[in-house]
């Protein structure tokens, strides 16, 4: 469902208000990303969102970036017990030991995947499904398969719903409503986007997921 905003633009209903949502919807959500730290950031933040609203996490994102070293997988993978204690003591973020420890654990898994594939992005984009109409479903078969492979690799807090939200946000799918003013622009970005391929392989020219 879309709504007409007070700025005269029609956008996905969830992304019209408040302003922080509108900026995120208009400038980030659904646009393809091939940067490992940004992909890692989103995967971590989706895990922190479990049981909370994305608005809560989005408002705290600057603080998360600060305390998690800009979401450098190399830096976060090196965090120790003192860092866990530091994060648990920081009121600016969601202080949940399990999620904090999962973020550190997942950073090491990201580095393992990057070592195998050449980059974390190459692995992530190997799960891009064939294009399909926008859906309001909480997950899809492609997300379920992606989540299962992440869990097989040892990742934590990566259920199918979390993984599908990650896929939507990072541009692996475009779930902007057909009449959303951003959809055409996002589709153009996706068409220009060079999909990262595995180490030593030419980048794929289109959707490559299972």
N, C-alpha and C. Protein backbone atom coordinates (compact mmCIF):
# COMPACT_ATOMS: atom_id res chain seq x y z
N UNK A 1 0.84 -1.19 0.00
CA UNK A 1 0.00 0.00 0.00
C UNK A 1 0.88 1.25 0.00
N UNK A 2 0.48 2.24 -0.77
CA UNK A 2 1.21 3.50 -0.82
C UNK A 2 0.33 4.62 -0.28
N UNK A 3 0.97 5.73 0.08
CA UNK A 3 0.22 6.90 0.55
C UNK A 3 0.79 8.15 -0.12
N UNK A 4 -0.02 9.19 -0.19
CA UNK A 4 0.42 10.47 -0.73
C UNK A 4 0.92 11.32 0.42
N UNK A 5 2.21 11.66 0.40
CA UNK A 5 2.79 12.43 1.48
C UNK A 5 2.44 13.90 1.39
N UNK A 6 2.73 14.63 2.46
CA UNK A 6 2.43 16.06 2.47
C UNK A 6 3.37 16.84 1.56
N UNK A 7 4.37 16.14 1.00
CA UNK A 7 5.25 16.78 0.02
C UNK A 7 4.78 16.53 -1.41
N UNK A 8 3.59 15.91 -1.54
CA UNK A 8 3.02 15.66 -2.86
C UNK A 8 3.56 14.42 -3.54
N UNK A 9 4.38 13.64 -2.85
CA UNK A 9 4.96 12.44 -3.44
C UNK A 9 4.31 11.19 -2.85
N UNK A 10 4.04 10.24 -3.73
CA UNK A 10 3.46 8.98 -3.27
C UNK A 10 4.60 8.01 -2.97
N UNK A 11 4.51 7.38 -1.82
CA UNK A 11 5.55 6.43 -1.41
C UNK A 11 4.93 5.28 -0.62
N UNK A 12 5.71 4.24 -0.39
CA UNK A 12 5.27 3.11 0.40
C UNK A 12 4.79 3.63 1.76
N UNK A 13 3.66 3.12 2.22
CA UNK A 13 3.01 3.67 3.41
C UNK A 13 3.92 3.68 4.62
N UNK A 14 4.71 2.63 4.79
CA UNK A 14 5.57 2.55 5.99
C UNK A 14 6.64 3.64 5.98
N UNK A 15 6.99 4.13 4.79
CA UNK A 15 8.11 5.04 4.67
C UNK A 15 7.76 6.51 4.60
N UNK A 16 6.51 6.88 4.92
CA UNK A 16 6.14 8.29 4.79
C UNK A 16 6.44 9.09 6.05
N UNK A 17 6.25 8.53 7.20
CA UNK A 17 6.44 9.23 8.47
C UNK A 17 6.98 8.28 9.52
N UNK A 18 7.78 8.78 10.45
CA UNK A 18 8.29 10.14 10.62
C UNK A 18 9.39 10.45 9.62
N UNK A 19 9.99 11.63 9.74
CA UNK A 19 10.98 12.08 8.76
C UNK A 19 12.15 11.12 8.62
N UNK A 20 12.59 10.51 9.73
CA UNK A 20 13.73 9.60 9.65
C UNK A 20 13.40 8.40 8.77
N UNK A 21 12.15 7.95 8.83
CA UNK A 21 11.71 6.88 7.94
C UNK A 21 11.66 7.36 6.50
N UNK A 22 11.14 8.56 6.29
CA UNK A 22 11.01 9.09 4.93
C UNK A 22 12.38 9.19 4.26
N UNK A 23 13.37 9.70 4.99
CA UNK A 23 14.73 9.81 4.42
C UNK A 23 15.30 8.43 4.10
N UNK A 24 15.10 7.49 5.03
CA UNK A 24 15.61 6.14 4.82
C UNK A 24 14.94 5.48 3.62
N UNK A 25 13.61 5.61 3.54
CA UNK A 25 12.86 5.05 2.41
C UNK A 25 13.30 5.66 1.08
N UNK A 26 13.42 6.97 1.05
CA UNK A 26 13.68 7.66 -0.22
C UNK A 26 15.12 7.52 -0.69
N UNK A 27 16.07 7.39 0.23
CA UNK A 27 17.48 7.45 -0.17
C UNK A 27 18.25 6.15 0.00
N UNK A 28 17.70 5.19 0.76
CA UNK A 28 18.46 3.97 1.03
C UNK A 28 17.74 2.67 0.68
N UNK A 29 16.52 2.52 1.16
CA UNK A 29 15.85 1.22 1.12
C UNK A 29 15.66 0.73 -0.31
N UNK A 30 16.17 -0.45 -0.59
CA UNK A 30 16.00 -1.06 -1.90
C UNK A 30 17.08 -0.74 -2.90
N UNK A 31 17.99 0.18 -2.57
CA UNK A 31 19.07 0.54 -3.50
C UNK A 31 20.22 -0.46 -3.32
N UNK A 32 20.74 -1.00 -4.41
CA UNK A 32 21.73 -2.08 -4.31
C UNK A 32 23.03 -1.66 -3.65
N UNK A 33 23.52 -2.51 -2.78
CA UNK A 33 24.73 -2.25 -1.99
C UNK A 33 25.73 -3.39 -2.20
N UNK A 34 26.99 -3.04 -2.46
CA UNK A 34 28.04 -4.04 -2.63
C UNK A 34 29.23 -3.75 -1.74
N UNK A 35 29.01 -3.02 -0.67
CA UNK A 35 30.07 -2.63 0.26
C UNK A 35 30.00 -3.53 1.48
N UNK A 36 31.06 -4.27 1.77
CA UNK A 36 31.02 -5.25 2.85
C UNK A 36 30.65 -4.65 4.21
N UNK A 37 31.26 -3.53 4.64
CA UNK A 37 30.84 -2.98 5.93
C UNK A 37 29.36 -2.60 5.99
N UNK A 38 28.82 -2.05 4.91
CA UNK A 38 27.40 -1.70 4.92
C UNK A 38 26.52 -2.94 4.96
N UNK A 39 26.91 -3.97 4.26
CA UNK A 39 26.14 -5.21 4.30
C UNK A 39 26.21 -5.83 5.69
N UNK A 40 27.38 -5.82 6.28
CA UNK A 40 27.54 -6.34 7.63
C UNK A 40 26.73 -5.50 8.62
N UNK A 41 26.78 -4.19 8.47
CA UNK A 41 25.99 -3.31 9.35
C UNK A 41 24.52 -3.68 9.31
N UNK A 42 23.98 -3.82 8.13
CA UNK A 42 22.55 -4.10 8.01
C UNK A 42 22.21 -5.46 8.60
N UNK A 43 23.06 -6.45 8.39
CA UNK A 43 22.80 -7.77 8.95
C UNK A 43 22.80 -7.70 10.48
N UNK A 44 23.75 -6.96 11.04
CA UNK A 44 23.81 -6.80 12.49
C UNK A 44 22.57 -6.06 13.01
N UNK A 45 22.23 -4.96 12.37
CA UNK A 45 21.11 -4.16 12.86
C UNK A 45 19.78 -4.88 12.72
N UNK A 46 19.64 -5.69 11.67
CA UNK A 46 18.42 -6.49 11.56
C UNK A 46 18.34 -7.48 12.72
N UNK A 47 19.48 -8.02 13.14
CA UNK A 47 19.49 -8.90 14.30
C UNK A 47 19.11 -8.16 15.56
N UNK A 48 19.60 -6.95 15.73
CA UNK A 48 19.25 -6.15 16.91
C UNK A 48 17.78 -5.76 16.90
N UNK A 49 17.18 -5.68 15.71
CA UNK A 49 15.78 -5.27 15.63
C UNK A 49 14.84 -6.34 16.18
N UNK A 50 15.26 -7.60 16.21
CA UNK A 50 14.37 -8.69 16.63
C UNK A 50 13.65 -8.32 17.93
N UNK A 51 12.32 -8.30 17.88
CA UNK A 51 11.52 -7.95 19.04
C UNK A 51 11.33 -6.46 19.22
N UNK A 52 11.92 -5.65 18.35
CA UNK A 52 11.81 -4.19 18.44
C UNK A 52 11.32 -3.65 17.10
N UNK A 53 11.20 -2.33 16.99
CA UNK A 53 10.81 -1.70 15.73
C UNK A 53 12.07 -1.24 14.99
N UNK A 54 11.99 -1.20 13.67
CA UNK A 54 13.11 -0.69 12.88
C UNK A 54 13.33 0.79 13.18
N UNK A 55 12.27 1.51 13.53
CA UNK A 55 12.40 2.92 13.86
C UNK A 55 13.34 3.09 15.06
N UNK A 56 13.19 2.24 16.06
CA UNK A 56 14.08 2.31 17.22
C UNK A 56 15.53 2.13 16.81
N UNK A 57 15.79 1.14 15.96
CA UNK A 57 17.16 0.86 15.53
C UNK A 57 17.68 1.97 14.64
N UNK A 58 16.85 2.48 13.76
CA UNK A 58 17.28 3.53 12.83
C UNK A 58 17.70 4.78 13.60
N UNK A 59 16.96 5.12 14.63
CA UNK A 59 17.31 6.29 15.43
C UNK A 59 18.61 6.09 16.20
N UNK A 60 18.91 4.85 16.53
CA UNK A 60 20.14 4.55 17.26
C UNK A 60 21.31 4.20 16.33
N UNK A 61 21.09 4.20 15.03
CA UNK A 61 22.13 3.76 14.10
C UNK A 61 23.42 4.55 14.21
N UNK A 62 23.39 5.88 14.34
CA UNK A 62 24.67 6.59 14.50
C UNK A 62 25.47 6.09 15.70
N UNK A 63 24.79 5.80 16.80
CA UNK A 63 25.49 5.30 17.98
C UNK A 63 26.03 3.89 17.74
N UNK A 64 25.24 3.06 17.07
CA UNK A 64 25.71 1.72 16.73
C UNK A 64 26.98 1.81 15.88
N UNK A 65 26.98 2.70 14.91
CA UNK A 65 28.16 2.86 14.06
C UNK A 65 29.37 3.29 14.86
N UNK A 66 29.14 4.13 15.84
CA UNK A 66 30.23 4.61 16.68
C UNK A 66 30.82 3.48 17.51
N UNK A 67 29.97 2.73 18.20
CA UNK A 67 30.49 1.72 19.13
C UNK A 67 30.96 0.46 18.43
N UNK A 68 30.48 0.22 17.21
CA UNK A 68 30.90 -0.97 16.46
C UNK A 68 31.93 -0.62 15.37
N UNK A 69 32.74 0.39 15.61
CA UNK A 69 33.88 0.71 14.74
C UNK A 69 33.48 0.85 13.28
N UNK A 70 32.36 1.54 13.04
CA UNK A 70 31.92 1.73 11.67
C UNK A 70 31.53 0.45 10.97
N UNK A 71 31.30 -0.59 11.74
CA UNK A 71 30.94 -1.91 11.23
C UNK A 71 32.00 -2.50 10.31
N UNK A 72 33.24 -2.20 10.61
CA UNK A 72 34.34 -2.90 9.95
C UNK A 72 34.34 -4.35 10.45
N UNK A 73 34.13 -5.34 9.57
CA UNK A 73 34.13 -6.73 10.04
C UNK A 73 35.43 -7.11 10.72
N UNK A 74 36.55 -6.61 10.20
CA UNK A 74 37.85 -6.93 10.79
C UNK A 74 37.95 -6.40 12.22
N UNK A 75 37.50 -5.16 12.42
CA UNK A 75 37.57 -4.56 13.75
C UNK A 75 36.63 -5.25 14.72
N UNK A 76 35.40 -5.51 14.30
CA UNK A 76 34.43 -6.11 15.21
C UNK A 76 34.81 -7.55 15.56
N UNK A 77 35.37 -8.27 14.60
CA UNK A 77 35.78 -9.65 14.88
C UNK A 77 36.85 -9.71 15.96
N UNK A 78 37.58 -8.62 16.15
CA UNK A 78 38.65 -8.58 17.15
C UNK A 78 38.16 -8.11 18.51
N UNK A 79 36.87 -7.79 18.65
CA UNK A 79 36.34 -7.37 19.95
C UNK A 79 36.50 -8.51 20.96
N UNK A 80 36.74 -8.13 22.22
CA UNK A 80 36.93 -9.12 23.29
C UNK A 80 35.93 -8.88 24.41
N UNK A 81 36.13 -9.55 25.53
CA UNK A 81 35.19 -9.43 26.65
C UNK A 81 35.08 -7.99 27.15
N UNK A 82 36.17 -7.26 27.10
CA UNK A 82 36.14 -5.87 27.54
C UNK A 82 35.23 -5.05 26.63
N UNK A 83 35.24 -5.35 25.33
CA UNK A 83 34.36 -4.64 24.40
C UNK A 83 32.90 -5.00 24.66
N UNK A 84 32.64 -6.27 24.95
CA UNK A 84 31.28 -6.67 25.28
C UNK A 84 30.79 -5.89 26.50
N UNK A 85 31.62 -5.80 27.53
CA UNK A 85 31.25 -5.04 28.73
C UNK A 85 31.03 -3.57 28.40
N UNK A 86 31.87 -3.02 27.54
CA UNK A 86 31.73 -1.61 27.13
C UNK A 86 30.39 -1.38 26.43
N UNK A 87 30.02 -2.29 25.55
CA UNK A 87 28.78 -2.15 24.81
C UNK A 87 27.57 -2.33 25.72
N UNK A 88 27.65 -3.25 26.65
CA UNK A 88 26.54 -3.46 27.59
C UNK A 88 26.34 -2.27 28.50
N UNK A 89 27.36 -1.44 28.62
CA UNK A 89 27.29 -0.28 29.50
C UNK A 89 26.93 1.00 28.76
N UNK A 90 26.69 0.88 27.45
CA UNK A 90 26.42 2.08 26.64
C UNK A 90 24.92 2.24 26.43
N UNK A 91 24.29 3.25 27.04
CA UNK A 91 22.84 3.40 26.95
C UNK A 91 22.35 3.87 25.58
N UNK A 92 23.25 4.22 24.69
CA UNK A 92 22.84 4.72 23.37
C UNK A 92 22.38 3.61 22.44
N UNK A 93 22.75 2.37 22.74
CA UNK A 93 22.39 1.26 21.86
C UNK A 93 21.45 0.30 22.59
N UNK A 94 21.05 -0.76 21.90
CA UNK A 94 20.26 -1.83 22.52
C UNK A 94 21.24 -2.74 23.27
N UNK A 95 21.10 -2.76 24.58
CA UNK A 95 22.06 -3.51 25.41
C UNK A 95 21.53 -4.92 25.67
N UNK A 96 21.83 -5.79 24.73
CA UNK A 96 21.38 -7.18 24.78
C UNK A 96 22.61 -8.05 24.55
N UNK A 97 23.02 -8.77 25.58
CA UNK A 97 24.27 -9.52 25.49
C UNK A 97 24.27 -10.50 24.32
N UNK A 98 23.18 -11.23 24.15
CA UNK A 98 23.13 -12.21 23.08
C UNK A 98 23.32 -11.60 21.71
N UNK A 99 22.70 -10.44 21.48
CA UNK A 99 22.81 -9.78 20.19
C UNK A 99 24.19 -9.17 19.99
N UNK A 100 24.76 -8.63 21.05
CA UNK A 100 26.11 -8.07 20.97
C UNK A 100 27.11 -9.17 20.65
N UNK A 101 27.02 -10.28 21.37
CA UNK A 101 27.95 -11.38 21.13
C UNK A 101 27.74 -11.99 19.75
N UNK A 102 26.48 -12.01 19.28
CA UNK A 102 26.20 -12.52 17.93
C UNK A 102 26.84 -11.62 16.87
N UNK A 103 26.81 -10.30 17.09
CA UNK A 103 27.41 -9.38 16.12
C UNK A 103 28.91 -9.63 16.00
N UNK A 104 29.57 -9.84 17.13
CA UNK A 104 31.02 -10.11 17.11
C UNK A 104 31.29 -11.46 16.45
N UNK A 105 30.50 -12.45 16.81
CA UNK A 105 30.62 -13.77 16.21
C UNK A 105 30.40 -13.71 14.70
N UNK A 106 29.36 -12.98 14.28
CA UNK A 106 29.05 -12.89 12.85
C UNK A 106 30.12 -12.15 12.07
N UNK A 107 30.81 -11.22 12.71
CA UNK A 107 31.90 -10.52 12.02
C UNK A 107 32.97 -11.52 11.58
N UNK A 108 33.27 -12.48 12.44
CA UNK A 108 34.26 -13.50 12.07
C UNK A 108 33.74 -14.37 10.94
N UNK A 109 32.44 -14.64 10.93
CA UNK A 109 31.86 -15.44 9.84
C UNK A 109 31.90 -14.65 8.53
N UNK A 110 31.68 -13.35 8.59
CA UNK A 110 31.77 -12.51 7.39
C UNK A 110 33.17 -12.60 6.80
N UNK A 111 34.18 -12.56 7.64
CA UNK A 111 35.56 -12.65 7.15
C UNK A 111 35.83 -14.01 6.53
N UNK A 112 35.26 -15.06 7.09
CA UNK A 112 35.42 -16.39 6.50
C UNK A 112 34.79 -16.45 5.12
N UNK A 113 33.59 -15.90 5.00
CA UNK A 113 32.90 -15.89 3.72
C UNK A 113 33.68 -15.05 2.70
N UNK A 114 34.17 -13.90 3.14
CA UNK A 114 34.93 -13.03 2.24
C UNK A 114 36.21 -13.72 1.77
N UNK A 115 36.82 -14.49 2.64
CA UNK A 115 38.03 -15.22 2.25
C UNK A 115 37.71 -16.27 1.20
N UNK A 116 36.54 -16.88 1.31
CA UNK A 116 36.13 -17.91 0.35
C UNK A 116 35.68 -17.32 -0.98
N UNK A 117 34.92 -16.23 -0.93
CA UNK A 117 34.28 -15.67 -2.12
C UNK A 117 35.01 -14.48 -2.71
N UNK A 118 35.96 -13.93 -1.99
CA UNK A 118 36.63 -12.71 -2.44
C UNK A 118 36.06 -11.47 -1.79
N UNK A 119 34.79 -11.51 -1.41
CA UNK A 119 34.14 -10.44 -0.65
C UNK A 119 32.86 -11.01 -0.07
N UNK A 120 32.39 -10.40 1.00
CA UNK A 120 31.09 -10.79 1.54
C UNK A 120 30.00 -10.44 0.55
N UNK A 121 30.17 -9.33 -0.17
CA UNK A 121 29.17 -8.90 -1.14
C UNK A 121 28.97 -9.94 -2.23
N UNK A 122 30.04 -10.57 -2.69
CA UNK A 122 29.91 -11.58 -3.75
C UNK A 122 29.03 -12.72 -3.28
N UNK A 123 29.21 -13.13 -2.05
CA UNK A 123 28.37 -14.19 -1.49
C UNK A 123 26.92 -13.72 -1.37
N UNK A 124 26.72 -12.54 -0.79
CA UNK A 124 25.36 -12.02 -0.61
C UNK A 124 24.61 -11.95 -1.92
N UNK A 125 25.26 -11.40 -2.96
CA UNK A 125 24.57 -11.21 -4.23
C UNK A 125 24.38 -12.51 -5.00
N UNK A 126 25.03 -13.57 -4.58
CA UNK A 126 24.76 -14.86 -5.21
C UNK A 126 23.36 -15.35 -4.85
N UNK A 127 22.73 -14.71 -3.85
CA UNK A 127 21.40 -15.09 -3.42
C UNK A 127 20.31 -14.17 -3.99
N UNK A 128 20.66 -13.33 -4.93
CA UNK A 128 19.64 -12.48 -5.55
C UNK A 128 18.65 -13.34 -6.33
N UNK A 129 17.36 -13.25 -6.02
CA UNK A 129 16.38 -14.05 -6.76
C UNK A 129 15.98 -13.39 -8.07
N UNK A 130 15.26 -14.12 -8.87
CA UNK A 130 14.69 -13.55 -10.09
C UNK A 130 13.71 -12.43 -9.71
N UNK A 131 13.63 -11.37 -10.52
CA UNK A 131 12.71 -10.27 -10.20
C UNK A 131 11.27 -10.77 -10.08
N UNK A 132 10.52 -10.16 -9.18
CA UNK A 132 9.12 -10.51 -8.98
C UNK A 132 8.38 -9.27 -8.51
N UNK A 133 7.06 -9.27 -8.62
CA UNK A 133 6.29 -8.11 -8.16
C UNK A 133 6.49 -7.86 -6.67
N UNK A 134 6.31 -6.62 -6.21
CA UNK A 134 6.44 -6.34 -4.78
C UNK A 134 5.52 -7.21 -3.95
N UNK A 135 5.99 -7.58 -2.78
CA UNK A 135 5.20 -8.41 -1.89
C UNK A 135 5.23 -7.83 -0.48
N UNK A 136 4.17 -8.07 0.27
CA UNK A 136 4.15 -7.69 1.67
C UNK A 136 4.40 -8.90 2.56
N UNK A 137 4.82 -10.01 1.97
CA UNK A 137 5.12 -11.21 2.74
C UNK A 137 6.32 -10.96 3.64
N UNK A 138 6.33 -11.65 4.79
CA UNK A 138 7.43 -11.48 5.75
C UNK A 138 8.68 -12.19 5.32
N UNK A 139 8.54 -13.19 4.44
CA UNK A 139 9.70 -13.90 3.94
C UNK A 139 9.33 -14.57 2.62
N UNK A 140 10.31 -15.18 1.98
CA UNK A 140 10.11 -15.85 0.69
C UNK A 140 10.96 -17.12 0.68
N UNK A 141 10.71 -18.03 -0.26
CA UNK A 141 11.56 -19.22 -0.35
C UNK A 141 13.03 -18.87 -0.54
N UNK A 142 13.32 -17.82 -1.32
CA UNK A 142 14.72 -17.42 -1.53
C UNK A 142 15.36 -16.99 -0.22
N UNK A 143 14.62 -16.23 0.59
CA UNK A 143 15.14 -15.78 1.88
C UNK A 143 15.32 -16.96 2.84
N UNK A 144 14.41 -17.92 2.77
CA UNK A 144 14.52 -19.09 3.62
C UNK A 144 15.78 -19.90 3.28
N UNK A 145 16.05 -20.02 1.98
CA UNK A 145 17.26 -20.74 1.57
C UNK A 145 18.52 -19.99 1.96
N UNK A 146 18.51 -18.69 1.79
CA UNK A 146 19.64 -17.84 2.16
C UNK A 146 19.89 -17.94 3.66
N UNK A 147 18.82 -17.83 4.45
CA UNK A 147 18.96 -17.91 5.91
C UNK A 147 19.50 -19.26 6.33
N UNK A 148 19.04 -20.32 5.68
CA UNK A 148 19.52 -21.66 6.03
C UNK A 148 21.01 -21.79 5.75
N UNK A 149 21.48 -21.19 4.66
CA UNK A 149 22.91 -21.28 4.36
C UNK A 149 23.73 -20.45 5.33
N UNK A 150 23.21 -19.28 5.71
CA UNK A 150 23.90 -18.48 6.73
C UNK A 150 24.03 -19.24 8.04
N UNK A 151 22.95 -19.90 8.44
CA UNK A 151 23.00 -20.67 9.69
C UNK A 151 23.98 -21.83 9.55
N UNK A 152 24.00 -22.46 8.39
CA UNK A 152 24.95 -23.55 8.16
C UNK A 152 26.38 -23.06 8.32
N UNK A 153 26.62 -21.81 7.95
CA UNK A 153 27.95 -21.23 8.07
C UNK A 153 28.23 -20.70 9.47
N UNK A 154 27.28 -20.81 10.36
CA UNK A 154 27.51 -20.43 11.75
C UNK A 154 26.98 -19.07 12.15
N UNK A 155 26.31 -18.35 11.24
CA UNK A 155 25.76 -17.03 11.58
C UNK A 155 24.62 -17.19 12.59
N UNK A 156 24.46 -16.16 13.42
CA UNK A 156 23.41 -16.14 14.43
C UNK A 156 22.43 -14.98 14.16
N UNK A 157 21.22 -15.10 14.68
CA UNK A 157 20.18 -14.09 14.50
C UNK A 157 19.93 -13.82 13.02
N UNK A 158 19.78 -14.89 12.26
CA UNK A 158 19.57 -14.76 10.81
C UNK A 158 18.41 -15.65 10.37
N UNK A 159 17.26 -15.47 11.01
CA UNK A 159 16.07 -16.19 10.59
C UNK A 159 15.56 -15.68 9.26
N UNK A 160 14.64 -16.40 8.61
CA UNK A 160 14.15 -16.01 7.28
C UNK A 160 13.54 -14.61 7.22
N UNK A 161 12.81 -14.20 8.26
CA UNK A 161 12.22 -12.85 8.25
C UNK A 161 13.31 -11.79 8.31
N UNK A 162 14.30 -12.00 9.16
CA UNK A 162 15.43 -11.07 9.26
C UNK A 162 16.18 -11.00 7.94
N UNK A 163 16.40 -12.14 7.33
CA UNK A 163 17.16 -12.18 6.07
C UNK A 163 16.37 -11.53 4.94
N UNK A 164 15.05 -11.72 4.91
CA UNK A 164 14.29 -11.08 3.85
C UNK A 164 14.30 -9.56 4.00
N UNK A 165 14.20 -9.07 5.24
CA UNK A 165 14.30 -7.63 5.47
C UNK A 165 15.65 -7.11 5.00
N UNK A 166 16.69 -7.88 5.23
CA UNK A 166 18.03 -7.53 4.76
C UNK A 166 18.06 -7.47 3.23
N UNK A 167 17.48 -8.46 2.57
CA UNK A 167 17.45 -8.49 1.11
C UNK A 167 16.69 -7.30 0.54
N UNK A 168 15.58 -6.94 1.17
CA UNK A 168 14.81 -5.78 0.72
C UNK A 168 15.62 -4.50 0.84
N UNK A 169 16.26 -4.32 1.98
CA UNK A 169 16.97 -3.08 2.26
C UNK A 169 18.20 -2.92 1.39
N UNK A 170 18.92 -4.02 1.13
CA UNK A 170 20.18 -3.96 0.40
C UNK A 170 20.02 -4.07 -1.11
N UNK A 171 18.77 -4.13 -1.59
CA UNK A 171 18.52 -4.06 -3.01
C UNK A 171 18.52 -5.38 -3.75
N UNK A 172 18.58 -6.52 -3.04
CA UNK A 172 18.51 -7.80 -3.73
C UNK A 172 17.13 -8.03 -4.32
N UNK A 173 16.14 -7.38 -3.72
CA UNK A 173 14.79 -7.34 -4.28
C UNK A 173 14.32 -5.90 -4.20
N UNK A 174 13.34 -5.56 -5.03
CA UNK A 174 12.76 -4.22 -4.98
C UNK A 174 11.29 -4.35 -4.62
N UNK A 175 10.98 -4.07 -3.36
CA UNK A 175 9.59 -4.16 -2.91
C UNK A 175 8.93 -2.80 -2.74
N UNK A 176 9.47 -1.77 -3.40
CA UNK A 176 8.75 -0.50 -3.44
C UNK A 176 7.44 -0.72 -4.21
N UNK A 177 6.38 -0.10 -3.72
CA UNK A 177 5.09 -0.22 -4.38
C UNK A 177 5.18 0.29 -5.82
N UNK A 178 4.37 -0.27 -6.74
CA UNK A 178 4.43 0.13 -8.14
C UNK A 178 4.27 1.63 -8.37
N UNK A 179 3.47 2.30 -7.54
CA UNK A 179 3.25 3.73 -7.72
C UNK A 179 4.10 4.59 -6.78
N UNK A 180 5.04 3.96 -6.07
CA UNK A 180 5.95 4.72 -5.20
C UNK A 180 6.88 5.56 -6.07
N UNK A 181 7.08 6.80 -5.70
CA UNK A 181 7.88 7.71 -6.54
C UNK A 181 9.34 7.27 -6.63
N UNK A 182 9.79 6.43 -5.70
CA UNK A 182 11.18 5.99 -5.69
C UNK A 182 11.41 4.76 -6.57
N UNK A 183 10.37 4.00 -6.85
CA UNK A 183 10.56 2.70 -7.50
C UNK A 183 11.30 2.80 -8.83
N UNK A 184 10.92 3.72 -9.69
CA UNK A 184 11.56 3.83 -11.00
C UNK A 184 13.05 4.13 -10.85
N UNK A 185 13.39 5.00 -9.92
CA UNK A 185 14.79 5.35 -9.67
C UNK A 185 15.57 4.15 -9.15
N UNK A 186 14.95 3.40 -8.23
CA UNK A 186 15.61 2.22 -7.68
C UNK A 186 15.81 1.17 -8.77
N UNK A 187 14.81 0.98 -9.62
CA UNK A 187 14.95 0.02 -10.71
C UNK A 187 16.07 0.42 -11.66
N UNK A 188 16.22 1.71 -11.91
CA UNK A 188 17.31 2.18 -12.77
C UNK A 188 18.66 1.91 -12.12
N UNK A 189 18.76 2.11 -10.80
CA UNK A 189 20.01 1.80 -10.10
C UNK A 189 20.32 0.31 -10.17
N UNK A 190 19.30 -0.51 -10.00
CA UNK A 190 19.51 -1.95 -10.07
C UNK A 190 19.95 -2.38 -11.45
N UNK A 191 19.44 -1.71 -12.47
CA UNK A 191 19.83 -2.05 -13.84
C UNK A 191 21.29 -1.69 -14.12
N UNK A 192 21.77 -0.59 -13.51
CA UNK A 192 23.16 -0.17 -13.71
C UNK A 192 24.14 -0.91 -12.80
N UNK A 193 23.63 -1.49 -11.75
CA UNK A 193 24.47 -2.07 -10.71
C UNK A 193 25.28 -3.25 -11.24
N UNK A 194 26.58 -3.24 -10.96
CA UNK A 194 27.45 -4.35 -11.34
C UNK A 194 27.49 -5.34 -10.18
N UNK A 195 26.87 -6.49 -10.38
CA UNK A 195 26.84 -7.49 -9.33
C UNK A 195 28.23 -8.04 -9.06
N UNK A 196 28.66 -8.07 -7.80
CA UNK A 196 29.98 -8.62 -7.50
C UNK A 196 29.96 -10.14 -7.66
N UNK A 197 30.97 -10.67 -8.34
CA UNK A 197 31.05 -12.10 -8.54
C UNK A 197 32.07 -12.74 -7.63
N UNK A 198 32.10 -14.07 -7.57
CA UNK A 198 33.09 -14.77 -6.74
C UNK A 198 34.50 -14.45 -7.19
N UNK A 199 35.45 -14.74 -6.34
CA UNK A 199 36.85 -14.49 -6.63
C UNK A 199 37.24 -15.13 -7.97
N UNK A 200 37.79 -14.31 -8.86
CA UNK A 200 38.28 -14.82 -10.13
C UNK A 200 37.22 -15.00 -11.19
N UNK A 201 35.96 -14.70 -10.88
CA UNK A 201 34.89 -14.86 -11.86
C UNK A 201 34.41 -13.50 -12.33
N UNK A 202 33.98 -13.38 -13.59
CA UNK A 202 33.42 -12.11 -14.05
C UNK A 202 32.11 -11.84 -13.34
N UNK A 203 31.78 -10.57 -13.09
CA UNK A 203 30.53 -10.27 -12.39
C UNK A 203 29.34 -10.69 -13.20
N UNK A 204 28.32 -11.28 -12.55
CA UNK A 204 27.10 -11.67 -13.28
C UNK A 204 26.36 -10.44 -13.77
N UNK A 205 25.61 -10.60 -14.83
CA UNK A 205 24.92 -9.48 -15.44
C UNK A 205 23.50 -9.32 -14.95
N UNK A 206 23.02 -10.24 -14.16
CA UNK A 206 21.65 -10.15 -13.69
C UNK A 206 21.43 -11.02 -12.48
N UNK A 207 20.17 -11.25 -12.12
CA UNK A 207 19.88 -12.06 -10.93
C UNK A 207 20.53 -13.42 -11.02
N UNK A 208 21.14 -13.83 -9.92
CA UNK A 208 21.92 -15.07 -9.95
C UNK A 208 21.54 -16.02 -8.83
N UNK A 209 20.54 -15.71 -8.05
CA UNK A 209 20.22 -16.54 -6.89
C UNK A 209 19.63 -17.87 -7.27
N UNK A 210 19.52 -18.79 -6.31
CA UNK A 210 18.96 -20.10 -6.58
C UNK A 210 17.46 -20.02 -6.82
